Amino acid sequence: MPDKPGAEAPILLRETDGAVAILTLNRPEARNALSEELMSALQSALDAIAADKAVKAVVITANGPAFCAGHDLKQLIPHTSDADKGQAYFAKLFGQCSKLMQTIVRLPKPVIAQVHGVATAAGCQLVASCDLAVASDAARFATPGVNIGLFCSTPMVALSRNVPRKVAMEMLLTGDLVDAKTARSIGLINHVTTHDELRVATMHLARKIASKSCGTVALGKEAFYRQLEMPLSAAYDYASEVMTRNMMMADANEGICAFIDKRNPKWET
């Protein structure tokens, strides 16, 4: 809501539900396109959450009919008349977006996308960059840049790390929309629910994750993404080192003792 009559509504809303931070994209009139300002707001919010010990999980959702329509093309076009035809601006913008997506991956808290509508181009990238995703049966996903002569190269990075190679390539080459059921079958999202149950289902998952040891989850999330980029032998060496570090944590000792004693653990983190 605006702070005062006549004031513009914030483009990003933040609320807290227990240990879960909920970030809501709030540019419904622009289908929540990722403008410079919205990406900056998301970046600042995630940076703050990274240091917030009270937050153990994050949900990214949106207001309006669409989840996110990708980059704000109206913000790009004017720069084609720059002296360099916009090259410096475009490099800065896509660099900003890449940093934001990597921040989500590297955040020491799991991030869940709650998708109620269309997620296209960088919007699809946003969903793919989140650790988990829950979508309504009305959600649709696409990387349609090829249709306007702009291949979805940066969305491709996240997409190709989430779905099979040939599926990703078909989405990138055709720009066709993929429905929620198909998105789940290819691994782009985790769960499909009705629109009415979307928030409940997402928060149920977020609260379940938030009930775990924060230190253990942070260690495990980092290890998950790092080992994916390693050869098999190196991945096992790294994972063994991570397991050793994990065993030295107080929460591991508490969790094991609680399991043996048949009681609920009391996490330190």
C-alpha atoms as a PDB file:
ATOM      1  CA  MET A   1       0.000   0.000   0.000  1.00  0.00           C
ATOM      2  CA  PRO A   2       1.244   3.556  -0.605  1.00  0.00           C
ATOM      3  CA  ASP A   3       2.711   5.261   2.437  1.00  0.00           C
ATOM      4  CA  LYS A   4       0.435   8.283   1.966  1.00  0.00           C
ATOM      5  CA  PRO A   5      -2.290   9.492  -0.413  1.00  0.00           C
ATOM      6  CA  GLY A   6      -0.861  10.098  -3.872  1.00  0.00           C
ATOM      7  CA  ALA A   7       2.355   8.171  -3.156  1.00  0.00           C
ATOM      8  CA  GLU A   8       3.325   5.364  -5.505  1.00  0.00           C
ATOM      9  CA  ALA A   9       3.147   1.828  -4.159  1.00  0.00           C
ATOM     10  CA  PRO A  10       6.538   0.176  -3.555  1.00  0.00           C
ATOM     11  CA  ILE A  11       7.639  -1.982  -6.480  1.00  0.00           C
ATOM     12  CA  LEU A  12       8.707  -4.708  -4.041  1.00  0.00           C
ATOM     13  CA  LEU A  13       6.826  -5.639  -0.889  1.00  0.00           C
ATOM     14  CA  ARG A  14       8.287  -7.549   2.042  1.00  0.00           C
ATOM     15  CA  GLU A  15       6.416  -9.290   4.811  1.00  0.00           C
ATOM     16  CA  THR A  16       7.370 -11.836   7.425  1.00  0.00           C
ATOM     17  CA  ASP A  17       5.500 -14.973   8.396  1.00  0.00           C
ATOM     18  CA  GLY A  18       7.384 -16.568  11.275  1.00  0.00           C
ATOM     19  CA  ALA A  19      10.831 -17.480   9.951  1.00  0.00           C
ATOM     20  CA  VAL A  20       9.753 -17.006   6.321  1.00  0.00           C
ATOM     21  CA  ALA A  21      10.383 -13.764   4.423  1.00  0.00           C
ATOM     22  CA  ILE A  22       7.924 -13.117   1.587  1.00  0.00           C
ATOM     23  CA  LEU A  23       9.018 -10.836  -1.249  1.00  0.00           C
ATOM     24  CA  THR A  24       6.261  -9.726  -3.604  1.00  0.00           C
ATOM     25  CA  LEU A  25       6.947  -8.227  -7.037  1.00  0.00           C
ATOM     26  CA  ASN A  26       4.564  -5.291  -7.202  1.00  0.00           C
ATOM     27  CA  ARG A  27       4.491  -3.912 -10.738  1.00  0.00           C
ATOM     28  CA  PRO A  28       1.189  -5.494 -11.791  1.00  0.00           C
ATOM     29  CA  GLU A  29       0.522  -2.907 -14.495  1.00  0.00           C
ATOM     30  CA  ALA A  30       3.837  -3.881 -16.134  1.00  0.00           C
ATOM     31  CA  ARG A  31       3.308  -7.621 -15.555  1.00  0.00           C
ATOM     32  CA  ASN A  32       6.093  -7.384 -12.981  1.00  0.00           C
ATOM     33  CA  ALA A  33       8.754  -6.844 -15.632  1.00  0.00           C
ATOM     34  CA  LEU A  34      12.248  -6.710 -14.159  1.00  0.00           C
ATOM     35  CA  SER A  35      13.125  -3.042 -14.461  1.00  0.00           C
ATOM     36  CA  GLU A  36      16.438  -1.726 -13.174  1.00  0.00           C
ATOM     37  CA  GLU A  37      14.611  -0.475 -10.110  1.00  0.00           C
ATOM     38  CA  LEU A  38      12.853  -3.765  -9.356  1.00  0.00           C
ATOM     39  CA  MET A  39      16.079  -5.729  -9.727  1.00  0.00           C
ATOM     40  CA  SER A  40      17.827  -3.275  -7.403  1.00  0.00           C
ATOM     41  CA  ALA A  41      15.026  -3.625  -4.851  1.00  0.00           C
ATOM     42  CA  LEU A  42      15.222  -7.423  -5.018  1.00  0.00           C
ATOM     43  CA  GLN A  43      19.002  -7.321  -4.714  1.00  0.00           C
ATOM     44  CA  SER A  44      18.842  -5.099  -1.630  1.00  0.00           C
ATOM     45  CA  ALA A  45      16.152  -7.246  -0.010  1.00  0.00           C
ATOM     46  CA  LEU A  46      18.076 -10.476  -0.591  1.00  0.00           C
ATOM     47  CA  ASP A  47      21.318  -8.935   0.680  1.00  0.00           C
ATOM     48  CA  ALA A  48      19.505  -7.899   3.865  1.00  0.00           C
ATOM     49  CA  ILE A  49      17.903 -11.330   4.253  1.00  0.00           C
ATOM     50  CA  ALA A  50      21.281 -13.044   3.898  1.00  0.00           C
ATOM     51  CA  ALA A  51      22.385 -11.357   7.125  1.00  0.00           C
ATOM     52  CA  ASP A  52      19.037 -11.693   8.930  1.00  0.00           C
ATOM     53  CA  LYS A  53      19.294 -14.596  11.381  1.00  0.00           C
ATOM     54  CA  ALA A  54      15.543 -14.546  11.962  1.00  0.00           C
ATOM     55  CA  VAL A  55      14.834 -15.563   8.361  1.00  0.00           C
ATOM     56  CA  LYS A  56      15.235 -19.236   7.467  1.00  0.00           C
ATOM     57  CA  ALA A  57      13.419 -19.381   4.124  1.00  0.00           C
ATOM     58  CA  VAL A  58      12.315 -16.960   1.409  1.00  0.00           C
ATOM     59  CA  VAL A  59       9.274 -16.926  -0.872  1.00  0.00           C
ATOM     60  CA  ILE A  60       9.215 -14.814  -4.033  1.00  0.00           C
ATOM     61  CA  THR A  61       5.721 -14.129  -5.333  1.00  0.00           C
ATOM     62  CA  ALA A  62       3.961 -11.390  -7.325  1.00  0.00           C
ATOM     63  CA  ASN A  63       0.845  -9.262  -7.573  1.00  0.00           C
ATOM     64  CA  GLY A  64      -1.304  -8.927 -10.677  1.00  0.00           C
ATOM     65  CA  PRO A  65      -2.162 -11.325 -13.507  1.00  0.00           C
ATOM     66  CA  ALA A  66       1.455 -12.313 -14.322  1.00  0.00           C
ATOM     67  CA  PHE A  67       4.305 -13.579 -12.176  1.00  0.00           C
ATOM     68  CA  CYS A  68       6.995 -11.866 -14.236  1.00  0.00           C
ATOM     69  CA  ALA A  69       7.182 -10.967 -17.926  1.00  0.00           C
ATOM     70  CA  GLY A  70      10.973 -10.739 -18.066  1.00  0.00           C
ATOM     71  CA  HIS A  71      12.980  -7.595 -18.702  1.00  0.00           C
ATOM     72  CA  ASP A  72      11.195  -4.284 -19.167  1.00  0.00           C
ATOM     73  CA  LEU A  73      11.592  -3.795 -22.929  1.00  0.00           C
ATOM     74  CA  LYS A  74      10.288  -0.232 -22.683  1.00  0.00           C
ATOM     75  CA  GLN A  75      13.349   0.548 -20.569  1.00  0.00           C
ATOM     76  CA  LEU A  76      15.704  -0.994 -23.140  1.00  0.00           C
ATOM     77  CA  ILE A  77      14.506   0.548 -26.387  1.00  0.00           C
ATOM     78  CA  PRO A  78      15.370   4.231 -25.657  1.00  0.00           C
ATOM     79  CA  HIS A  79      19.037   3.285 -25.233  1.00  0.00           C
ATOM     80  CA  THR A  80      19.318   2.101 -28.828  1.00  0.00           C
ATOM     81  CA  SER A  81      19.708   5.802 -29.664  1.00  0.00           C
ATOM     82  CA  ASP A  82      22.753   6.153 -27.363  1.00  0.00           C
ATOM     83  CA  ALA A  83      26.082   6.943 -29.037  1.00  0.00           C
ATOM     84  CA  ASP A  84      27.146   3.313 -28.671  1.00  0.00           C
ATOM     85  CA  LYS A  85      23.654   2.068 -29.631  1.00  0.00           C
ATOM     86  CA  GLY A  86      23.085   1.031 -26.027  1.00  0.00           C
ATOM     87  CA  GLN A  87      25.948  -1.436 -25.711  1.00  0.00           C
ATOM     88  CA  ALA A  88      27.230  -0.110 -22.371  1.00  0.00           C
ATOM     89  CA  TYR A  89      23.724   0.115 -20.914  1.00  0.00           C
ATOM     90  CA  PHE A  90      22.742  -3.380 -22.047  1.00  0.00           C
ATOM     91  CA  ALA A  91      25.969  -4.858 -20.654  1.00  0.00           C
ATOM     92  CA  LYS A  92      25.310  -3.178 -17.307  1.00  0.00           C
ATOM     93  CA  LEU A  93      21.646  -4.263 -17.231  1.00  0.00           C
ATOM     94  CA  PHE A  94      22.267  -7.911 -18.064  1.00  0.00           C
ATOM     95  CA  GLY A  95      25.187  -7.937 -15.642  1.00  0.00           C
ATOM     96  CA  GLN A  96      22.832  -6.638 -12.938  1.00  0.00           C
ATOM     97  CA  CYS A  97      20.351  -9.389 -13.743  1.00  0.00           C
ATOM     98  CA  SER A  98      23.042 -12.080 -13.710  1.00  0.00           C
ATOM     99  CA  LYS A  99      24.252 -10.888 -10.312  1.00  0.00           C
ATOM    100  CA  LEU A 100      20.690 -11.023  -8.967  1.00  0.00           C
ATOM    101  CA  MET A 101      20.128 -14.583 -10.161  1.00  0.00           C
ATOM    102  CA  GLN A 102      23.446 -15.712  -8.699  1.00  0.00           C
ATOM    103  CA  THR A 103      22.548 -14.021  -5.417  1.00  0.00           C
ATOM    104  CA  ILE A 104      19.457 -16.242  -5.217  1.00  0.00           C
ATOM    105  CA  VAL A 105      21.548 -19.360  -5.838  1.00  0.00           C
ATOM    106  CA  ARG A 106      24.202 -18.328  -3.323  1.00  0.00           C
ATOM    107  CA  LEU A 107      21.819 -17.054  -0.649  1.00  0.00           C
ATOM    108  CA  PRO A 108      22.318 -19.174   2.503  1.00  0.00           C
ATOM    109  CA  LYS A 109      18.534 -19.510   2.824  1.00  0.00           C
ATOM    110  CA  PRO A 110      16.355 -21.622   0.487  1.00  0.00           C
ATOM    111  CA  VAL A 111      14.302 -19.535  -1.940  1.00  0.00           C
ATOM    112  CA  ILE A 112      10.899 -20.718  -3.206  1.00  0.00           C
ATOM    113  CA  ALA A 113       9.119 -19.211  -6.208  1.00  0.00           C
ATOM    114  CA  GLN A 114       5.336 -18.996  -5.801  1.00  0.00           C
ATOM    115  CA  VAL A 115       4.069 -18.738  -9.373  1.00  0.00           C
ATOM    116  CA  HIS A 116       0.442 -17.896 -10.062  1.00  0.00           C
ATOM    117  CA  GLY A 117       0.606 -16.750 -13.681  1.00  0.00           C
ATOM    118  CA  VAL A 118       2.870 -16.365 -16.691  1.00  0.00           C
ATOM    119  CA  ALA A 119       6.649 -16.391 -16.150  1.00  0.00           C
ATOM    120  CA  THR A 120       8.510 -15.570 -19.349  1.00  0.00           C
ATOM    121  CA  ALA A 121      12.094 -14.804 -20.393  1.00  0.00           C
ATOM    122  CA  ALA A 122      13.896 -13.394 -17.316  1.00  0.00           C
ATOM    123  CA  GLY A 123      10.746 -14.252 -15.358  1.00  0.00           C
ATOM    124  CA  CYS A 124      11.232 -17.897 -16.259  1.00  0.00           C
ATOM    125  CA  GLN A 125      14.900 -17.438 -15.363  1.00  0.00           C
ATOM    126  CA  LEU A 126      13.838 -16.139 -11.954  1.00  0.00           C
ATOM    127  CA  VAL A 127      11.756 -19.262 -11.335  1.00  0.00           C
ATOM    128  CA  ALA A 128      14.571 -21.539 -12.510  1.00  0.00           C
ATOM    129  CA  SER A 129      17.079 -19.696 -10.304  1.00  0.00           C
ATOM    130  CA  CYS A 130      15.027 -20.300  -7.163  1.00  0.00           C
ATOM    131  CA  ASP A 131      15.804 -23.475  -5.237  1.00  0.00           C
ATOM    132  CA  LEU A 132      12.200 -24.660  -5.359  1.00  0.00           C
ATOM    133  CA  ALA A 133       9.016 -23.593  -7.130  1.00  0.00           C
ATOM    134  CA  VAL A 134       5.317 -24.086  -6.482  1.00  0.00           C
ATOM    135  CA  ALA A 135       2.884 -23.067  -9.206  1.00  0.00           C
ATOM    136  CA  SER A 136      -0.843 -22.839  -9.744  1.00  0.00           C
ATOM    137  CA  ASP A 137      -2.381 -24.855 -12.545  1.00  0.00           C
ATOM    138  CA  ALA A 138      -2.842 -21.566 -14.406  1.00  0.00           C
ATOM    139  CA  ALA A 139       0.897 -20.798 -14.500  1.00  0.00           C
ATOM    140  CA  ARG A 140       2.749 -20.827 -17.825  1.00  0.00           C
ATOM    141  CA  PHE A 141       6.454 -20.663 -18.603  1.00  0.00           C
ATOM    142  CA  ALA A 142       8.407 -19.627 -21.708  1.00  0.00           C
ATOM    143  CA  THR A 143      11.662 -18.227 -23.045  1.00  0.00           C
ATOM    144  CA  PRO A 144      10.173 -16.358 -26.020  1.00  0.00           C
ATOM    145  CA  GLY A 145      13.008 -13.976 -26.836  1.00  0.00           C
ATOM    146  CA  VAL A 146      13.646 -15.740 -30.136  1.00  0.00           C
ATOM    147  CA  ASN A 147      10.252 -14.461 -31.320  1.00  0.00           C
ATOM    148  CA  ILE A 148      11.462 -10.851 -31.161  1.00  0.00           C
ATOM    149  CA  GLY A 149      15.008 -11.511 -32.380  1.00  0.00           C
ATOM    150  CA  LEU A 150      16.552 -11.599 -28.894  1.00  0.00           C
ATOM    151  CA  PHE A 151      17.617 -15.113 -27.893  1.00  0.00           C
ATOM    152  CA  CYS A 152      17.073 -15.761 -24.167  1.00  0.00           C
ATOM    153  CA  SER A 153      20.771 -16.333 -23.503  1.00  0.00           C
ATOM    154  CA  THR A 154      20.865 -15.392 -19.812  1.00  0.00           C
ATOM    155  CA  PRO A 155      17.601 -17.226 -18.991  1.00  0.00           C
ATOM    156  CA  MET A 156      19.191 -20.175 -20.801  1.00  0.00           C
ATOM    157  CA  VAL A 157      21.806 -20.517 -18.053  1.00  0.00           C
ATOM    158  CA  ALA A 158      19.266 -21.184 -15.307  1.00  0.00           C
ATOM    159  CA  LEU A 159      16.861 -23.108 -17.558  1.00  0.00           C
ATOM    160  CA  SER A 160      19.498 -25.523 -18.873  1.00  0.00           C
ATOM    161  CA  ARG A 161      20.583 -26.308 -15.312  1.00  0.00           C
ATOM    162  CA  ASN A 162      17.046 -27.307 -14.335  1.00  0.00           C
ATOM    163  CA  VAL A 163      15.525 -29.212 -17.253  1.00  0.00           C
ATOM    164  CA  PRO A 164      16.831 -31.786 -19.757  1.00  0.00           C
ATOM    165  CA  ARG A 165      19.013 -30.346 -22.495  1.00  0.00           C
ATOM    166  CA  LYS A 166      16.722 -31.024 -25.447  1.00  0.00           C
ATOM    167  CA  VAL A 167      13.700 -29.693 -23.562  1.00  0.00           C
ATOM    168  CA  ALA A 168      15.567 -26.481 -22.759  1.00  0.00           C
ATOM    169  CA  MET A 169      16.670 -26.102 -26.355  1.00  0.00           C
ATOM    170  CA  GLU A 170      13.119 -26.570 -27.654  1.00  0.00           C
ATOM    171  CA  MET A 171      11.832 -23.900 -25.263  1.00  0.00           C
ATOM    172  CA  LEU A 172      14.610 -21.540 -26.340  1.00  0.00           C
ATOM    173  CA  LEU A 173      14.218 -22.161 -30.071  1.00  0.00           C
ATOM    174  CA  THR A 174      10.404 -22.075 -30.263  1.00  0.00           C
ATOM    175  CA  GLY A 175       9.465 -19.638 -27.500  1.00  0.00           C
ATOM    176  CA  ASP A 176       6.380 -21.766 -26.871  1.00  0.00           C
ATOM    177  CA  LEU A 177       4.539 -21.597 -23.561  1.00  0.00           C
ATOM    178  CA  VAL A 178       4.807 -24.623 -21.274  1.00  0.00           C
ATOM    179  CA  ASP A 179       1.903 -25.314 -18.924  1.00  0.00           C
ATOM    180  CA  ALA A 180       2.313 -26.025 -15.216  1.00  0.00           C
ATOM    181  CA  LYS A 181       1.809 -29.779 -15.533  1.00  0.00           C
ATOM    182  CA  THR A 182       4.521 -30.010 -18.186  1.00  0.00           C
ATOM    183  CA  ALA A 183       6.803 -27.698 -16.197  1.00  0.00           C
ATOM    184  CA  ARG A 184       6.553 -30.103 -13.271  1.00  0.00           C
ATOM    185  CA  SER A 185       7.211 -33.154 -15.447  1.00  0.00           C
ATOM    186  CA  ILE A 186      10.435 -31.637 -16.821  1.00  0.00           C
ATOM    187  CA  GLY A 187      11.666 -30.485 -13.405  1.00  0.00           C
ATOM    188  CA  LEU A 188      11.253 -26.732 -13.774  1.00  0.00           C
ATOM    189  CA  ILE A 189       8.888 -26.619 -10.789  1.00  0.00           C
ATOM    190  CA  ASN A 190       8.242 -28.909  -7.827  1.00  0.00           C
ATOM    191  CA  HIS A 191       4.507 -28.793  -7.225  1.00  0.00           C
ATOM    192  CA  VAL A 192       1.299 -27.793  -9.004  1.00  0.00           C
ATOM    193  CA  THR A 193      -1.782 -26.760  -7.083  1.00  0.00           C
ATOM    194  CA  THR A 194      -4.964 -24.798  -7.615  1.00  0.00           C
ATOM    195  CA  HIS A 195      -4.851 -21.023  -7.500  1.00  0.00           C
ATOM    196  CA  ASP A 196      -6.803 -20.999  -4.242  1.00  0.00           C
ATOM    197  CA  GLU A 197      -4.378 -23.416  -2.577  1.00  0.00           C
ATOM    198  CA  LEU A 198      -1.167 -21.879  -3.938  1.00  0.00           C
ATOM    199  CA  ARG A 199      -0.273 -19.716  -0.952  1.00  0.00           C
ATOM    200  CA  VAL A 200      -1.110 -22.500   1.525  1.00  0.00           C
ATOM    201  CA  ALA A 201       0.966 -25.059  -0.362  1.00  0.00           C
ATOM    202  CA  THR A 202       3.923 -22.702  -0.733  1.00  0.00           C
ATOM    203  CA  MET A 203       3.933 -21.677   2.913  1.00  0.00           C
ATOM    204  CA  HIS A 204       3.591 -25.293   4.041  1.00  0.00           C
ATOM    205  CA  LEU A 205       6.780 -26.095   2.129  1.00  0.00           C
ATOM    206  CA  ALA A 206       8.540 -22.936   3.349  1.00  0.00           C
ATOM    207  CA  ARG A 207       7.676 -23.590   7.004  1.00  0.00           C
ATOM    208  CA  LYS A 208       8.820 -27.203   6.745  1.00  0.00           C
ATOM    209  CA  ILE A 209      12.207 -26.051   5.465  1.00  0.00           C
ATOM    210  CA  ALA A 210      12.376 -23.236   8.032  1.00  0.00           C
ATOM    211  CA  SER A 211      11.963 -25.823  10.802  1.00  0.00           C
ATOM    212  CA  LYS A 212      15.338 -27.375   9.941  1.00  0.00           C
ATOM    213  CA  SER A 213      18.739 -26.312  11.223  1.00  0.00           C
ATOM    214  CA  CYS A 214      19.588 -23.067   9.443  1.00  0.00           C
ATOM    215  CA  GLY A 215      23.322 -23.784   9.542  1.00  0.00           C
ATOM    216  CA  THR A 216      22.871 -27.264   8.114  1.00  0.00           C
ATOM    217  CA  VAL A 217      20.597 -26.027   5.325  1.00  0.00           C
ATOM    218  CA  ALA A 218      23.003 -23.210   4.391  1.00  0.00           C
ATOM    219  CA  LEU A 219      25.930 -25.631   4.244  1.00  0.00           C
ATOM    220  CA  GLY A 220      23.934 -28.127   2.218  1.00  0.00           C
ATOM    221  CA  LYS A 221      22.574 -25.584  -0.269  1.00  0.00           C
ATOM    222  CA  GLU A 222      26.040 -24.253  -1.038  1.00  0.00           C
ATOM    223  CA  ALA A 223      27.402 -27.774  -1.426  1.00  0.00           C
ATOM    224  CA  PHE A 224      24.541 -28.796  -3.728  1.00  0.00           C
ATOM    225  CA  TYR A 225      25.300 -26.119  -6.317  1.00  0.00           C
ATOM    226  CA  ARG A 226      29.078 -26.378  -6.058  1.00  0.00           C
ATOM    227  CA  GLN A 227      29.247 -30.140  -6.555  1.00  0.00           C
ATOM    228  CA  LEU A 228      26.997 -29.947  -9.638  1.00  0.00           C
ATOM    229  CA  GLU A 229      29.787 -28.198 -11.528  1.00  0.00           C
ATOM    230  CA  MET A 230      32.462 -30.733 -10.532  1.00  0.00           C
ATOM    231  CA  PRO A 231      33.594 -34.024 -12.082  1.00  0.00           C
ATOM    232  CA  LEU A 232      32.318 -37.090 -10.171  1.00  0.00           C
ATOM    233  CA  SER A 233      35.498 -37.829  -8.227  1.00  0.00           C
ATOM    234  CA  ALA A 234      36.029 -34.189  -7.236  1.00  0.00           C
ATOM    235  CA  ALA A 235      32.362 -33.923  -6.232  1.00  0.00           C
ATOM    236  CA  TYR A 236      32.701 -36.875  -3.860  1.00  0.00           C
ATOM    237  CA  ASP A 237      35.924 -35.485  -2.368  1.00  0.00           C
ATOM    238  CA  TYR A 238      34.237 -32.129  -1.813  1.00  0.00           C
ATOM    239  CA  ALA A 239      31.034 -33.672  -0.438  1.00  0.00           C
ATOM    240  CA  SER A 240      33.042 -35.813   1.986  1.00  0.00           C
ATOM    241  CA  GLU A 241      34.777 -32.680   3.271  1.00  0.00           C
ATOM    242  CA  VAL A 242      31.391 -30.950   3.648  1.00  0.00           C
ATOM    243  CA  MET A 243      29.962 -33.947   5.542  1.00  0.00           C
ATOM    244  CA  THR A 244      32.950 -33.830   7.892  1.00  0.00           C
ATOM    245  CA  ARG A 245      32.423 -30.128   8.533  1.00  0.00           C
ATOM    246  CA  ASN A 246      28.721 -30.777   9.057  1.00  0.00           C
ATOM    247  CA  MET A 247      29.459 -33.488  11.629  1.00  0.00           C
ATOM    248  CA  MET A 248      31.504 -30.973  13.619  1.00  0.00           C
ATOM    249  CA  MET A 249      28.496 -28.642  13.948  1.00  0.00           C
ATOM    250  CA  ALA A 250      26.528 -28.550  17.184  1.00  0.00           C
ATOM    251  CA  ASP A 251      23.245 -29.018  15.317  1.00  0.00           C
ATOM    252  CA  ALA A 252      24.428 -32.326  13.848  1.00  0.00           C
ATOM    253  CA  ASN A 253      25.244 -33.631  17.303  1.00  0.00           C
ATOM    254  CA  GLU A 254      21.886 -32.388  18.621  1.00  0.00           C
ATOM    255  CA  GLY A 255      19.989 -33.868  15.696  1.00  0.00           C
ATOM    256  CA  ILE A 256      21.600 -37.295  16.019  1.00  0.00           C
ATOM    257  CA  CYS A 257      21.058 -37.368  19.794  1.00  0.00           C
ATOM    258  CA  ALA A 258      17.425 -36.280  19.363  1.00  0.00           C
ATOM    259  CA  PHE A 259      16.866 -39.042  16.816  1.00  0.00           C
ATOM    260  CA  ILE A 260      18.334 -41.656  19.145  1.00  0.00           C
ATOM    261  CA  ASP A 261      16.353 -40.286  22.110  1.00  0.00           C
ATOM    262  CA  LYS A 262      13.152 -40.135  20.012  1.00  0.00           C
ATOM    263  CA  ARG A 263      12.559 -36.431  20.698  1.00  0.00           C
ATOM    264  CA  ASN A 264      12.380 -33.237  18.656  1.00  0.00           C
ATOM    265  CA  PRO A 265      15.755 -31.519  18.149  1.00  0.00           C
ATOM    266  CA  LYS A 266      16.484 -28.075  19.558  1.00  0.00           C
ATOM    267  CA  TRP A 267      18.568 -26.341  16.925  1.00  0.00           C
ATOM    268  CA  GLU A 268      21.314 -23.893  17.825  1.00  0.00           C
ATOM    269  CA  THR A 269      20.964 -22.131  14.436  1.00  0.00           C
END
